[in-house]
């Protein structure tokens, strides 16, 4: 149970936030937001978008490019639903400004394979039935793929540690780990 004093402090802070956003002089002026043409290489294709340079990469991927692999979860880089691969590393696109991408290629779940020809890790997930709601799936698959690209002989414990940053609530973990192991073992042959 939350102590009453915490609730009172929370309520007071929330009221102050609402008062601040209601003040017209503090509201952002839409005319002052500088839009920029930014070129991005996403999933092997070059795109040019006209957005504010501080726009999170996730919003550009979803709203401007129509990609549905990365998802908005927490908005604080904590849940992993927005995961993409950049510079061979997994990054949380919800907190990365689009201007930070530079000339590097961004890979989303859609960039690994297609429904007609899935990437081998996607195929392993299909064969193992390693999804339930699918909300975290992009983060899990991209994280596992990046880890195994970097360290092909990653142990199950190393894989669990890497996946610790991707929150899944539907209890498909064992099937996911089986699919990842299946993909990792197939890479060795």
N, C-alpha and C. Protein backbone atom coordinates (compact mmCIF):
# COMPACT_ATOMS: atom_id res chain seq x y z
N UNK A 1 0.83 -1.17 0.00
CA UNK A 1 0.00 0.00 0.00
C UNK A 1 0.89 1.24 0.00
N UNK A 2 0.52 2.25 -0.80
CA UNK A 2 1.29 3.48 -0.91
C UNK A 2 0.93 4.40 0.26
N UNK A 3 1.96 4.91 0.98
CA UNK A 3 1.67 5.81 2.09
C UNK A 3 0.94 7.06 1.59
N UNK A 4 0.06 7.57 2.42
CA UNK A 4 -0.76 8.74 2.05
C UNK A 4 0.10 9.95 1.71
N UNK A 5 1.21 10.13 2.40
CA UNK A 5 2.03 11.32 2.13
C UNK A 5 2.61 11.25 0.72
N UNK A 6 2.90 10.05 0.21
CA UNK A 6 3.40 9.92 -1.16
C UNK A 6 2.31 10.31 -2.14
N UNK A 7 1.10 9.85 -1.87
CA UNK A 7 -0.01 10.22 -2.75
C UNK A 7 -0.22 11.72 -2.76
N UNK A 8 -0.11 12.35 -1.60
CA UNK A 8 -0.27 13.80 -1.53
C UNK A 8 0.83 14.51 -2.30
N UNK A 9 2.07 14.05 -2.15
CA UNK A 9 3.19 14.65 -2.90
C UNK A 9 3.01 14.46 -4.40
N UNK A 10 2.59 13.28 -4.79
CA UNK A 10 2.37 13.01 -6.21
C UNK A 10 1.27 13.92 -6.76
N UNK A 11 0.18 14.03 -6.02
CA UNK A 11 -0.94 14.86 -6.44
C UNK A 11 -0.49 16.32 -6.57
N UNK A 12 0.29 16.81 -5.61
CA UNK A 12 0.78 18.19 -5.63
C UNK A 12 1.69 18.42 -6.84
N UNK A 13 2.59 17.49 -7.10
CA UNK A 13 3.49 17.62 -8.25
C UNK A 13 2.71 17.59 -9.56
N UNK A 14 1.71 16.74 -9.63
CA UNK A 14 0.89 16.65 -10.84
C UNK A 14 0.11 17.95 -11.08
N UNK A 15 -0.41 18.53 -10.04
CA UNK A 15 -1.14 19.80 -10.17
C UNK A 15 -0.20 20.89 -10.68
N UNK A 16 1.03 20.94 -10.15
CA UNK A 16 2.01 21.92 -10.62
C UNK A 16 2.33 21.72 -12.10
N UNK A 17 2.48 20.46 -12.52
CA UNK A 17 2.73 20.16 -13.94
C UNK A 17 1.59 20.65 -14.81
N UNK A 18 0.38 20.39 -14.38
CA UNK A 18 -0.79 20.83 -15.16
C UNK A 18 -0.87 22.34 -15.23
N UNK A 19 -0.55 23.01 -14.14
CA UNK A 19 -0.57 24.47 -14.14
C UNK A 19 0.50 25.03 -15.08
N UNK A 20 1.68 24.42 -15.07
CA UNK A 20 2.76 24.88 -15.95
C UNK A 20 2.37 24.75 -17.42
N UNK A 21 1.79 23.61 -17.80
CA UNK A 21 1.44 23.40 -19.20
C UNK A 21 0.25 24.25 -19.61
N UNK A 22 -0.53 24.72 -18.66
CA UNK A 22 -1.68 25.57 -18.98
C UNK A 22 -1.26 27.02 -19.22
N UNK A 23 -0.07 27.40 -18.76
CA UNK A 23 0.39 28.78 -18.94
C UNK A 23 0.80 28.98 -20.40
N UNK A 24 0.18 29.93 -21.10
CA UNK A 24 0.45 30.11 -22.52
C UNK A 24 1.90 30.46 -22.84
N UNK A 25 2.60 31.22 -21.98
CA UNK A 25 3.97 31.60 -22.30
C UNK A 25 4.93 30.41 -22.22
N UNK A 26 4.54 29.33 -21.58
CA UNK A 26 5.40 28.16 -21.49
C UNK A 26 5.10 27.12 -22.56
N UNK A 27 3.99 27.24 -23.21
CA UNK A 27 3.64 26.27 -24.25
C UNK A 27 4.56 26.48 -25.45
N UNK A 28 5.05 25.40 -26.07
CA UNK A 28 5.94 25.56 -27.22
C UNK A 28 5.20 26.21 -28.39
N UNK A 29 5.88 27.09 -29.06
CA UNK A 29 5.32 27.76 -30.24
C UNK A 29 5.63 26.91 -31.46
N UNK A 30 4.61 26.40 -32.10
CA UNK A 30 4.79 25.51 -33.25
C UNK A 30 5.61 26.18 -34.34
N UNK A 31 5.55 27.51 -34.44
CA UNK A 31 6.31 28.20 -35.48
C UNK A 31 7.80 28.20 -35.18
N UNK A 32 8.20 27.97 -33.93
CA UNK A 32 9.61 28.00 -33.55
C UNK A 32 10.30 26.65 -33.74
N UNK A 33 9.56 25.61 -34.01
CA UNK A 33 10.15 24.29 -34.19
C UNK A 33 10.78 24.24 -35.58
N UNK A 34 12.08 24.04 -35.60
CA UNK A 34 12.81 24.03 -36.87
C UNK A 34 12.76 22.64 -37.50
N UNK A 35 12.15 22.57 -38.65
CA UNK A 35 12.09 21.31 -39.38
C UNK A 35 13.35 21.20 -40.24
N UNK A 36 13.81 19.98 -40.42
CA UNK A 36 15.01 19.72 -41.21
C UNK A 36 14.76 18.53 -42.11
N UNK A 37 15.37 18.55 -43.26
CA UNK A 37 15.35 17.38 -44.14
C UNK A 37 16.50 16.48 -43.66
N UNK A 38 16.13 15.28 -43.31
CA UNK A 38 17.11 14.32 -42.80
C UNK A 38 17.04 13.07 -43.66
N UNK A 39 18.21 12.60 -44.09
CA UNK A 39 18.28 11.36 -44.87
C UNK A 39 18.64 10.23 -43.94
N UNK A 40 17.90 9.14 -44.06
CA UNK A 40 18.12 7.95 -43.24
C UNK A 40 18.18 6.73 -44.13
N UNK A 41 19.08 5.84 -43.80
CA UNK A 41 19.10 4.54 -44.48
C UNK A 41 18.47 3.55 -43.51
N UNK A 42 17.29 3.05 -43.89
CA UNK A 42 16.54 2.13 -43.04
C UNK A 42 16.25 0.86 -43.83
N UNK A 43 16.67 -0.26 -43.30
CA UNK A 43 16.42 -1.56 -43.92
C UNK A 43 16.86 -1.61 -45.37
N UNK A 44 18.02 -0.98 -45.64
CA UNK A 44 18.60 -1.03 -46.97
C UNK A 44 18.08 0.01 -47.96
N UNK A 45 17.14 0.85 -47.53
CA UNK A 45 16.59 1.87 -48.43
C UNK A 45 16.84 3.25 -47.86
N UNK A 46 17.14 4.21 -48.74
CA UNK A 46 17.36 5.58 -48.33
C UNK A 46 16.04 6.33 -48.30
N UNK A 47 15.80 7.05 -47.22
CA UNK A 47 14.58 7.84 -47.05
C UNK A 47 14.98 9.26 -46.66
N UNK A 48 14.21 10.23 -47.12
CA UNK A 48 14.39 11.60 -46.70
C UNK A 48 13.10 12.04 -46.02
N UNK A 49 13.24 12.53 -44.80
CA UNK A 49 12.08 12.97 -44.03
C UNK A 49 12.28 14.42 -43.62
N UNK A 50 11.19 15.14 -43.44
CA UNK A 50 11.22 16.53 -43.01
C UNK A 50 10.65 16.58 -41.60
N UNK A 51 11.55 16.57 -40.61
CA UNK A 51 11.14 16.51 -39.21
C UNK A 51 12.04 17.39 -38.36
N UNK A 52 11.62 17.66 -37.14
CA UNK A 52 12.46 18.32 -36.15
C UNK A 52 13.61 17.35 -35.84
N UNK A 53 14.83 17.85 -35.78
CA UNK A 53 16.01 17.00 -35.57
C UNK A 53 15.99 16.26 -34.23
N UNK A 54 15.22 16.77 -33.27
CA UNK A 54 15.16 16.12 -31.96
C UNK A 54 14.05 15.07 -31.87
N UNK A 55 13.32 14.86 -32.95
CA UNK A 55 12.25 13.86 -32.96
C UNK A 55 12.85 12.49 -32.68
N UNK A 56 12.27 11.72 -31.77
CA UNK A 56 12.78 10.37 -31.53
C UNK A 56 12.72 9.51 -32.81
N UNK A 57 13.75 8.74 -33.01
CA UNK A 57 13.83 7.86 -34.18
C UNK A 57 12.59 6.99 -34.31
N UNK A 58 12.06 6.49 -33.20
CA UNK A 58 10.87 5.65 -33.22
C UNK A 58 9.71 6.33 -33.94
N UNK A 59 9.49 7.61 -33.65
CA UNK A 59 8.37 8.33 -34.27
C UNK A 59 8.58 8.48 -35.76
N UNK A 60 9.83 8.67 -36.19
CA UNK A 60 10.11 8.78 -37.62
C UNK A 60 9.86 7.42 -38.28
N UNK A 61 10.34 6.35 -37.66
CA UNK A 61 10.14 5.01 -38.23
C UNK A 61 8.66 4.67 -38.35
N UNK A 62 7.90 4.96 -37.31
CA UNK A 62 6.48 4.60 -37.30
C UNK A 62 5.63 5.58 -38.09
N UNK A 63 5.77 6.87 -37.81
CA UNK A 63 4.87 7.86 -38.40
C UNK A 63 5.25 8.27 -39.82
N UNK A 64 6.54 8.41 -40.08
CA UNK A 64 6.97 8.87 -41.39
C UNK A 64 7.19 7.72 -42.38
N UNK A 65 7.71 6.59 -41.88
CA UNK A 65 8.03 5.48 -42.77
C UNK A 65 7.03 4.33 -42.69
N UNK A 66 6.11 4.38 -41.74
CA UNK A 66 5.06 3.37 -41.65
C UNK A 66 5.52 2.01 -41.18
N UNK A 67 6.64 1.93 -40.48
CA UNK A 67 7.14 0.64 -40.00
C UNK A 67 6.45 0.29 -38.68
N UNK A 68 6.12 -0.97 -38.50
CA UNK A 68 5.39 -1.40 -37.32
C UNK A 68 6.16 -2.38 -36.45
N UNK A 69 7.41 -2.68 -36.81
CA UNK A 69 8.22 -3.57 -35.98
C UNK A 69 8.52 -2.95 -34.64
N UNK A 70 9.23 -1.81 -34.62
CA UNK A 70 9.47 -1.17 -33.33
C UNK A 70 8.19 -0.54 -32.80
N UNK A 71 7.96 -0.71 -31.52
CA UNK A 71 6.71 -0.23 -30.92
C UNK A 71 7.00 0.75 -29.79
N UNK A 72 6.04 1.63 -29.52
CA UNK A 72 6.15 2.52 -28.37
C UNK A 72 5.67 1.76 -27.15
N UNK A 73 6.55 1.61 -26.18
CA UNK A 73 6.19 0.92 -24.94
C UNK A 73 6.19 1.90 -23.79
N UNK A 74 7.37 2.11 -23.23
CA UNK A 74 7.48 2.97 -22.05
C UNK A 74 7.90 4.39 -22.39
N UNK A 75 8.57 4.59 -23.51
CA UNK A 75 9.06 5.91 -23.88
C UNK A 75 10.28 6.35 -23.09
N UNK A 76 10.87 5.44 -22.33
CA UNK A 76 12.01 5.78 -21.47
C UNK A 76 13.18 4.80 -21.65
N UNK A 77 13.20 4.05 -22.74
CA UNK A 77 14.29 3.11 -23.03
C UNK A 77 14.40 1.99 -22.01
N UNK A 78 13.30 1.62 -21.39
CA UNK A 78 13.33 0.61 -20.34
C UNK A 78 12.74 -0.74 -20.76
N UNK A 79 11.80 -0.75 -21.71
CA UNK A 79 11.09 -2.00 -21.99
C UNK A 79 11.60 -2.75 -23.22
N UNK A 80 12.26 -2.08 -24.15
CA UNK A 80 12.82 -2.76 -25.31
C UNK A 80 11.89 -2.93 -26.49
N UNK A 81 10.64 -2.50 -26.39
CA UNK A 81 9.70 -2.68 -27.50
C UNK A 81 10.10 -1.87 -28.73
N UNK A 82 10.87 -0.81 -28.54
CA UNK A 82 11.26 0.08 -29.64
C UNK A 82 12.63 -0.26 -30.22
N UNK A 83 13.18 -1.40 -29.87
CA UNK A 83 14.55 -1.76 -30.25
C UNK A 83 14.76 -1.79 -31.75
N UNK A 84 15.90 -1.23 -32.17
CA UNK A 84 16.39 -1.33 -33.54
C UNK A 84 17.88 -1.63 -33.46
N UNK A 85 18.47 -1.99 -34.59
CA UNK A 85 19.91 -2.21 -34.65
C UNK A 85 20.53 -1.02 -35.37
N UNK A 86 21.55 -0.45 -34.75
CA UNK A 86 22.29 0.68 -35.31
C UNK A 86 23.75 0.47 -34.94
N UNK A 87 24.62 0.57 -35.92
CA UNK A 87 26.06 0.35 -35.69
C UNK A 87 26.33 -1.01 -35.06
N UNK A 88 25.57 -2.00 -35.48
CA UNK A 88 25.68 -3.39 -35.03
C UNK A 88 25.33 -3.56 -33.55
N UNK A 89 24.68 -2.56 -32.97
CA UNK A 89 24.28 -2.60 -31.56
C UNK A 89 22.78 -2.39 -31.47
N UNK A 90 22.15 -2.96 -30.44
CA UNK A 90 20.74 -2.68 -30.22
C UNK A 90 20.63 -1.32 -29.52
N UNK A 91 19.70 -0.52 -30.00
CA UNK A 91 19.45 0.79 -29.39
C UNK A 91 17.95 0.95 -29.20
N UNK A 92 17.59 1.78 -28.25
CA UNK A 92 16.19 2.07 -27.98
C UNK A 92 15.81 3.32 -28.78
N UNK A 93 15.01 3.13 -29.78
CA UNK A 93 14.69 4.22 -30.71
C UNK A 93 13.74 5.26 -30.11
N UNK A 94 13.12 4.96 -28.98
CA UNK A 94 12.18 5.93 -28.38
C UNK A 94 12.90 7.11 -27.76
N UNK A 95 14.18 6.98 -27.44
CA UNK A 95 14.92 8.07 -26.82
C UNK A 95 16.06 8.59 -27.69
N UNK A 96 16.27 7.99 -28.83
CA UNK A 96 17.35 8.42 -29.72
C UNK A 96 16.83 9.47 -30.69
N UNK A 97 17.40 10.69 -30.66
CA UNK A 97 16.96 11.70 -31.64
C UNK A 97 17.36 11.25 -33.04
N UNK A 98 16.50 11.51 -33.99
CA UNK A 98 16.76 11.09 -35.36
C UNK A 98 18.07 11.67 -35.87
N UNK A 99 18.45 12.84 -35.39
CA UNK A 99 19.69 13.47 -35.84
C UNK A 99 20.93 12.68 -35.42
N UNK A 100 20.83 11.81 -34.41
CA UNK A 100 21.97 11.03 -33.93
C UNK A 100 22.29 9.83 -34.81
N UNK A 101 21.40 9.50 -35.74
CA UNK A 101 21.61 8.33 -36.59
C UNK A 101 22.74 8.57 -37.58
N UNK A 102 22.79 9.77 -38.13
CA UNK A 102 23.82 10.08 -39.11
C UNK A 102 23.66 9.25 -40.37
N UNK A 103 24.76 8.78 -40.90
CA UNK A 103 24.76 8.00 -42.14
C UNK A 103 24.65 6.49 -41.88
N UNK A 104 24.58 6.10 -40.63
CA UNK A 104 24.52 4.68 -40.29
C UNK A 104 23.16 4.08 -40.64
N UNK A 105 23.18 2.80 -41.01
CA UNK A 105 21.93 2.12 -41.35
C UNK A 105 21.19 1.66 -40.11
N UNK A 106 19.89 1.84 -40.15
CA UNK A 106 18.99 1.37 -39.09
C UNK A 106 18.33 0.09 -39.60
N UNK A 107 18.32 -0.93 -38.77
CA UNK A 107 17.63 -2.16 -39.12
C UNK A 107 16.50 -2.40 -38.13
N UNK A 108 15.31 -2.59 -38.67
CA UNK A 108 14.14 -2.92 -37.85
C UNK A 108 13.79 -4.38 -38.12
N UNK A 109 12.78 -4.87 -37.44
CA UNK A 109 12.35 -6.25 -37.65
C UNK A 109 12.01 -6.50 -39.12
N UNK A 110 11.42 -5.49 -39.77
CA UNK A 110 11.06 -5.63 -41.18
C UNK A 110 12.29 -5.77 -42.07
N UNK A 111 13.45 -5.31 -41.59
CA UNK A 111 14.67 -5.37 -42.38
C UNK A 111 15.39 -6.69 -42.33
N UNK A 112 14.99 -7.57 -41.42
CA UNK A 112 15.64 -8.89 -41.35
C UNK A 112 15.16 -9.81 -42.45
N UNK A 113 13.87 -9.89 -42.62
CA UNK A 113 13.30 -10.79 -43.61
C UNK A 113 11.92 -10.31 -43.99
N UNK A 114 11.28 -11.07 -44.86
CA UNK A 114 9.93 -10.73 -45.30
C UNK A 114 8.99 -11.85 -44.89
N UNK A 115 7.69 -11.61 -44.95
CA UNK A 115 6.76 -12.71 -44.65
C UNK A 115 6.96 -13.91 -45.60
N UNK A 116 7.31 -13.61 -46.83
CA UNK A 116 7.53 -14.68 -47.81
C UNK A 116 8.86 -15.40 -47.59
N UNK A 117 9.88 -14.66 -47.15
CA UNK A 117 11.21 -15.23 -46.93
C UNK A 117 11.77 -14.69 -45.62
N UNK A 118 11.32 -15.27 -44.50
CA UNK A 118 11.78 -14.78 -43.20
C UNK A 118 13.27 -15.06 -42.99
N UNK A 119 13.90 -14.20 -42.21
CA UNK A 119 15.28 -14.41 -41.77
C UNK A 119 15.30 -15.71 -40.96
N UNK A 120 16.42 -16.42 -40.93
CA UNK A 120 16.46 -17.68 -40.17
C UNK A 120 16.05 -17.55 -38.70
N UNK A 121 16.36 -16.44 -38.05
CA UNK A 121 15.92 -16.29 -36.65
C UNK A 121 14.41 -16.10 -36.59
N UNK A 122 13.85 -15.40 -37.55
CA UNK A 122 12.39 -15.25 -37.59
C UNK A 122 11.74 -16.60 -37.86
N UNK A 123 12.34 -17.39 -38.74
CA UNK A 123 11.81 -18.72 -39.05
C UNK A 123 11.85 -19.61 -37.81
N UNK A 124 12.92 -19.51 -37.04
CA UNK A 124 13.02 -20.31 -35.81
C UNK A 124 11.91 -19.92 -34.82
N UNK A 125 11.61 -18.63 -34.73
CA UNK A 125 10.53 -18.18 -33.85
C UNK A 125 9.19 -18.71 -34.35
N UNK A 126 9.00 -18.73 -35.65
CA UNK A 126 7.75 -19.26 -36.22
C UNK A 126 7.62 -20.74 -35.89
N UNK A 127 8.69 -21.49 -36.13
CA UNK A 127 8.66 -22.95 -35.90
C UNK A 127 8.43 -23.30 -34.43
N UNK A 128 8.97 -22.49 -33.53
CA UNK A 128 8.82 -22.76 -32.09
C UNK A 128 7.54 -22.15 -31.51
N UNK A 129 6.79 -21.41 -32.31
CA UNK A 129 5.60 -20.73 -31.80
C UNK A 129 5.99 -19.79 -30.67
N UNK A 130 7.12 -19.09 -30.87
CA UNK A 130 7.74 -18.30 -29.81
C UNK A 130 7.22 -16.87 -29.76
N UNK A 131 5.92 -16.74 -29.77
CA UNK A 131 5.31 -15.42 -29.61
C UNK A 131 3.92 -15.62 -29.06
N UNK A 132 3.46 -14.63 -28.39
CA UNK A 132 2.09 -14.68 -27.93
C UNK A 132 1.43 -13.39 -28.37
N UNK A 133 1.60 -12.31 -27.62
CA UNK A 133 1.00 -11.05 -28.06
C UNK A 133 1.84 -10.39 -29.14
N UNK A 134 3.16 -10.60 -29.13
CA UNK A 134 4.05 -10.06 -30.16
C UNK A 134 4.56 -8.67 -29.89
N UNK A 135 4.15 -8.04 -28.80
CA UNK A 135 4.55 -6.66 -28.55
C UNK A 135 6.06 -6.54 -28.35
N UNK A 136 6.67 -7.47 -27.65
CA UNK A 136 8.11 -7.41 -27.37
C UNK A 136 8.93 -8.10 -28.44
N UNK A 137 8.29 -8.77 -29.37
CA UNK A 137 8.97 -9.65 -30.30
C UNK A 137 10.07 -8.98 -31.09
N UNK A 138 9.84 -7.78 -31.56
CA UNK A 138 10.86 -7.06 -32.32
C UNK A 138 12.12 -6.88 -31.48
N UNK A 139 11.94 -6.46 -30.23
CA UNK A 139 13.09 -6.27 -29.35
C UNK A 139 13.83 -7.57 -29.06
N UNK A 140 13.08 -8.64 -28.85
CA UNK A 140 13.70 -9.93 -28.55
C UNK A 140 14.48 -10.44 -29.75
N UNK A 141 13.87 -10.44 -30.92
CA UNK A 141 14.53 -10.97 -32.12
C UNK A 141 15.74 -10.14 -32.49
N UNK A 142 15.61 -8.82 -32.50
CA UNK A 142 16.74 -7.98 -32.88
C UNK A 142 17.87 -8.07 -31.86
N UNK A 143 17.54 -8.15 -30.58
CA UNK A 143 18.58 -8.29 -29.55
C UNK A 143 19.32 -9.61 -29.72
N UNK A 144 18.58 -10.69 -29.87
CA UNK A 144 19.21 -12.01 -30.04
C UNK A 144 20.07 -12.04 -31.29
N UNK A 145 19.57 -11.48 -32.38
CA UNK A 145 20.33 -11.47 -33.63
C UNK A 145 21.63 -10.67 -33.47
N UNK A 146 21.55 -9.50 -32.84
CA UNK A 146 22.74 -8.67 -32.66
C UNK A 146 23.76 -9.37 -31.76
N UNK A 147 23.29 -10.00 -30.69
CA UNK A 147 24.20 -10.70 -29.78
C UNK A 147 24.90 -11.84 -30.52
N UNK A 148 24.14 -12.62 -31.28
CA UNK A 148 24.73 -13.76 -31.98
C UNK A 148 25.61 -13.33 -33.15
N UNK A 149 25.34 -12.17 -33.74
CA UNK A 149 26.25 -11.65 -34.77
C UNK A 149 27.58 -11.26 -34.14
N UNK A 150 27.53 -10.70 -32.95
CA UNK A 150 28.73 -10.27 -32.23
C UNK A 150 29.47 -11.45 -31.60
N UNK A 151 28.70 -12.39 -31.05
CA UNK A 151 29.28 -13.54 -30.34
C UNK A 151 28.50 -14.80 -30.71
N UNK A 152 28.87 -15.45 -31.81
CA UNK A 152 28.11 -16.61 -32.30
C UNK A 152 27.97 -17.76 -31.30
N UNK A 153 28.91 -17.87 -30.35
CA UNK A 153 28.86 -18.95 -29.37
C UNK A 153 28.33 -18.48 -28.02
N UNK A 154 27.50 -17.46 -28.03
CA UNK A 154 26.95 -16.95 -26.76
C UNK A 154 26.21 -18.07 -26.03
N UNK A 155 26.44 -18.14 -24.74
CA UNK A 155 25.78 -19.16 -23.93
C UNK A 155 24.34 -18.76 -23.67
N UNK A 156 23.56 -19.71 -23.19
CA UNK A 156 22.18 -19.41 -22.84
C UNK A 156 22.12 -18.34 -21.75
N UNK A 157 23.05 -18.39 -20.82
CA UNK A 157 23.09 -17.39 -19.73
C UNK A 157 23.41 -16.00 -20.29
N UNK A 158 24.34 -15.92 -21.23
CA UNK A 158 24.66 -14.63 -21.86
C UNK A 158 23.45 -14.10 -22.63
N UNK A 159 22.74 -15.00 -23.27
CA UNK A 159 21.56 -14.58 -24.03
C UNK A 159 20.47 -14.08 -23.09
N UNK A 160 20.27 -14.78 -21.99
CA UNK A 160 19.27 -14.32 -21.00
C UNK A 160 19.64 -12.94 -20.46
N UNK A 161 20.93 -12.74 -20.20
CA UNK A 161 21.38 -11.43 -19.70
C UNK A 161 21.12 -10.33 -20.73
N UNK A 162 21.40 -10.62 -21.99
CA UNK A 162 21.17 -9.63 -23.04
C UNK A 162 19.69 -9.31 -23.20
N UNK A 163 18.86 -10.34 -23.04
CA UNK A 163 17.42 -10.15 -23.18
C UNK A 163 16.77 -9.57 -21.93
N UNK A 164 17.54 -9.41 -20.87
CA UNK A 164 17.01 -8.85 -19.64
C UNK A 164 16.44 -7.45 -19.80
N UNK A 165 16.88 -6.74 -20.83
CA UNK A 165 16.39 -5.39 -21.06
C UNK A 165 15.14 -5.32 -21.92
N UNK A 166 14.63 -6.47 -22.31
CA UNK A 166 13.39 -6.50 -23.11
C UNK A 166 12.30 -7.12 -22.25
N UNK A 167 11.31 -6.34 -21.93
CA UNK A 167 10.25 -6.84 -21.05
C UNK A 167 9.18 -7.58 -21.84
N UNK A 168 8.87 -8.77 -21.37
CA UNK A 168 7.82 -9.59 -21.97
C UNK A 168 6.89 -10.03 -20.85
N UNK A 169 5.62 -9.91 -21.09
CA UNK A 169 4.65 -10.23 -20.05
C UNK A 169 3.79 -11.47 -20.37
N UNK A 170 4.02 -12.08 -21.52
CA UNK A 170 3.08 -13.13 -21.92
C UNK A 170 3.62 -14.55 -21.71
N UNK A 171 4.76 -14.67 -21.05
CA UNK A 171 5.28 -15.97 -20.66
C UNK A 171 5.64 -16.89 -21.83
N UNK A 172 6.17 -16.32 -22.88
CA UNK A 172 6.65 -17.12 -24.00
C UNK A 172 8.17 -17.26 -23.95
N UNK A 173 8.76 -16.96 -22.79
CA UNK A 173 10.21 -16.93 -22.67
C UNK A 173 10.89 -18.24 -23.06
N UNK A 174 10.38 -19.35 -22.58
CA UNK A 174 11.03 -20.63 -22.87
C UNK A 174 11.00 -20.93 -24.36
N UNK A 175 9.88 -20.65 -25.00
CA UNK A 175 9.81 -20.86 -26.45
C UNK A 175 10.75 -19.92 -27.19
N UNK A 176 10.86 -18.69 -26.70
CA UNK A 176 11.78 -17.73 -27.32
C UNK A 176 13.22 -18.22 -27.20
N UNK A 177 13.59 -18.67 -26.01
CA UNK A 177 14.95 -19.16 -25.81
C UNK A 177 15.22 -20.41 -26.66
N UNK A 178 14.22 -21.29 -26.81
CA UNK A 178 14.39 -22.45 -27.69
C UNK A 178 14.61 -22.00 -29.13
N UNK A 179 13.85 -21.01 -29.57
CA UNK A 179 13.99 -20.50 -30.94
C UNK A 179 15.36 -19.88 -31.15
N UNK A 180 15.83 -19.12 -30.17
CA UNK A 180 17.15 -18.49 -30.28
C UNK A 180 18.24 -19.55 -30.33
N UNK A 181 18.12 -20.55 -29.47
CA UNK A 181 19.12 -21.64 -29.46
C UNK A 181 19.08 -22.40 -30.79
N UNK A 182 17.89 -22.63 -31.32
CA UNK A 182 17.75 -23.32 -32.60
C UNK A 182 18.46 -22.54 -33.71
N UNK A 183 18.26 -21.21 -33.73
CA UNK A 183 18.91 -20.36 -34.71
C UNK A 183 20.42 -20.36 -34.51
N UNK A 184 20.87 -20.24 -33.25
CA UNK A 184 22.30 -20.22 -32.97
C UNK A 184 22.97 -21.53 -33.38
N UNK A 185 22.32 -22.65 -33.09
CA UNK A 185 22.89 -23.96 -33.47
C UNK A 185 22.92 -24.13 -34.98
N UNK A 186 21.90 -23.64 -35.67
CA UNK A 186 21.88 -23.76 -37.14
C UNK A 186 22.98 -22.92 -37.78
N UNK A 187 23.36 -21.81 -37.16
CA UNK A 187 24.44 -20.97 -37.68
C UNK A 187 25.77 -21.67 -37.62
N UNK A 188 25.92 -22.59 -36.68
CA UNK A 188 27.20 -23.29 -36.50
C UNK A 188 27.43 -24.37 -37.54
N UNK A 189 26.36 -24.83 -38.18
CA UNK A 189 26.53 -25.92 -39.14
C UNK A 189 26.78 -25.41 -40.53
